[in-house]
């Protein structure tokens, strides 16, 4: 009993001192790594937003160019700016009829004589 007590007391004292030292040094390390992680997360989000906005701008720009060309050609056809051939006799509008159907289910879309 007399020999084990001082050894046990010194072991407990050393263990408590080491644990206290680790706890004091671990908090600043955890805080620093948390700051670095948050910074990396912000950089990731910023890069993702920039890439997605660039992609959206490219897709929108291409669609708008094509829409502009189609609008001009349709305007020329409507108001006689382009001479029509005899095979092009009338323009059929089916937007009101197709509003009653789900997208892609309108029978006028699948009619090969109206929409080749």
Protein backbone atom coordinates (compact mmCIF):
# COMPACT_ATOMS: atom_id res chain seq x y z
CA UNK A 1 0.00 0.00 0.00
CA UNK A 2 2.76 2.49 0.88
CA UNK A 3 4.69 1.92 -2.34
CA UNK A 4 1.63 1.96 -4.69
CA UNK A 5 0.05 5.14 -3.33
CA UNK A 6 2.85 7.57 -4.35
CA UNK A 7 3.13 5.89 -7.78
CA UNK A 8 -0.62 6.13 -8.31
CA UNK A 9 -0.69 9.77 -7.15
CA UNK A 10 2.19 10.75 -9.46
CA UNK A 11 0.55 8.92 -12.41
CA UNK A 12 -2.74 10.71 -11.81
CA UNK A 13 -0.98 14.07 -11.45
CA UNK A 14 0.95 13.59 -14.69
CA UNK A 15 -2.22 12.46 -16.51
CA UNK A 16 -4.20 15.48 -15.32
CA UNK A 17 -1.36 17.87 -16.28
CA UNK A 18 -1.07 16.35 -19.78
CA UNK A 19 -4.84 16.39 -20.28
CA UNK A 20 -5.03 20.04 -19.15
CA UNK A 21 -2.20 21.01 -21.50
CA UNK A 22 -3.85 19.20 -24.44
CA UNK A 23 -7.19 20.88 -23.80
CA UNK A 24 -5.60 24.32 -23.68
CA UNK A 25 -3.65 23.78 -26.92
CA UNK A 26 -6.46 21.97 -28.75
CA UNK A 27 -8.99 24.83 -28.60
CA UNK A 28 -6.90 27.32 -30.62
CA UNK A 29 -6.11 24.58 -33.12
CA UNK A 30 -9.80 23.72 -33.50
CA UNK A 31 -10.72 27.39 -33.88
CA UNK A 32 -8.08 27.89 -36.57
CA UNK A 33 -9.16 24.79 -38.49
CA UNK A 34 -12.79 25.92 -38.22
CA UNK A 35 -11.89 29.31 -39.71
CA UNK A 36 -9.98 27.63 -42.55
CA UNK A 37 -12.90 25.26 -43.21
CA UNK A 38 -15.42 28.11 -43.31
CA UNK A 39 -13.16 30.03 -45.70
CA UNK A 40 -12.89 27.02 -48.01
CA UNK A 41 -16.66 26.55 -47.88
CA UNK A 42 -17.21 30.20 -48.85
CA UNK A 43 -14.73 29.88 -51.74
CA UNK A 44 -16.51 26.73 -52.94
CA UNK A 45 -19.91 28.41 -52.86
CA UNK A 46 -18.58 31.48 -54.63
CA UNK A 47 -16.99 29.38 -57.40
CA UNK A 48 -20.16 27.32 -57.82
CA UNK A 49 -22.36 30.42 -58.07
CA UNK A 50 -20.01 32.04 -60.61
CA UNK A 51 -19.88 28.93 -62.79
CA UNK A 52 -23.64 28.43 -62.72
CA UNK A 53 -24.30 32.08 -63.55
CA UNK A 54 -21.85 31.92 -66.48
CA UNK A 55 -23.56 28.78 -67.78
CA UNK A 56 -27.01 30.38 -67.43
CA UNK A 57 -25.81 33.47 -69.28
CA UNK A 58 -24.46 31.39 -72.17
CA UNK A 59 -27.63 29.30 -72.47
CA UNK A 60 -29.89 32.34 -72.27
CA UNK A 61 -27.84 34.30 -74.78
CA UNK A 62 -28.01 31.52 -77.37
CA UNK A 63 -31.77 31.09 -76.89
CA UNK A 64 -32.37 34.82 -77.19
CA UNK A 65 -30.39 35.04 -80.43
CA UNK A 66 -32.43 32.22 -81.94
CA UNK A 67 -35.68 33.72 -80.68
CA UNK A 68 -34.77 37.09 -82.19
CA UNK A 69 -34.10 35.51 -85.60
CA UNK A 70 -37.35 33.50 -85.49
CA UNK A 71 -39.33 36.60 -84.49
CA UNK A 72 -37.91 38.61 -87.38
CA UNK A 73 -38.62 35.85 -89.92
CA UNK A 74 -42.17 35.42 -88.57
CA UNK A 75 -42.71 39.18 -88.84
CA UNK A 76 -41.48 39.18 -92.44
CA UNK A 77 -43.82 36.30 -93.28
CA UNK A 78 -46.80 37.96 -91.60
CA UNK A 79 -46.41 41.33 -93.24
CA UNK A 80 -45.22 40.24 -96.68
CA UNK A 81 -41.54 41.01 -96.32
CA UNK A 82 -40.71 37.57 -97.71
CA UNK A 83 -42.38 36.34 -100.87
CA UNK A 84 -44.19 33.09 -100.12
CA UNK A 85 -44.40 30.17 -102.50
CA UNK A 86 -47.68 28.57 -103.50
CA UNK A 87 -47.07 25.57 -101.24
CA UNK A 88 -47.22 27.80 -98.19
CA UNK A 89 -50.90 28.71 -98.26
CA UNK A 90 -51.97 29.54 -94.73
CA UNK A 91 -50.66 29.77 -91.21
CA UNK A 92 -52.44 27.70 -88.60
CA UNK A 93 -52.35 28.71 -84.95
CA UNK A 94 -53.01 25.86 -82.54
CA UNK A 95 -51.84 27.37 -79.29
CA UNK A 96 -55.35 27.76 -77.86
CA UNK A 97 -56.33 24.19 -78.78
CA UNK A 98 -53.13 22.76 -77.31
CA UNK A 99 -53.57 24.59 -73.98
CA UNK A 100 -56.12 21.96 -72.95
CA UNK A 101 -53.58 19.09 -73.20
CA UNK A 102 -50.50 18.15 -71.21
CA UNK A 103 -47.12 19.13 -72.68
CA UNK A 104 -46.38 16.92 -75.69
CA UNK A 105 -49.86 15.31 -75.79
CA UNK A 106 -51.56 17.73 -78.18
CA UNK A 107 -52.74 15.79 -81.27
CA UNK A 108 -51.93 18.76 -83.53
CA UNK A 109 -48.23 18.35 -82.71
CA UNK A 110 -48.24 14.73 -83.90
CA UNK A 111 -50.16 15.52 -87.10
CA UNK A 112 -47.53 15.20 -89.83
CA UNK A 113 -49.43 17.41 -92.25
CA UNK A 114 -49.42 20.34 -89.79
CA UNK A 115 -46.06 19.83 -88.10
CA UNK A 116 -43.61 17.94 -90.31
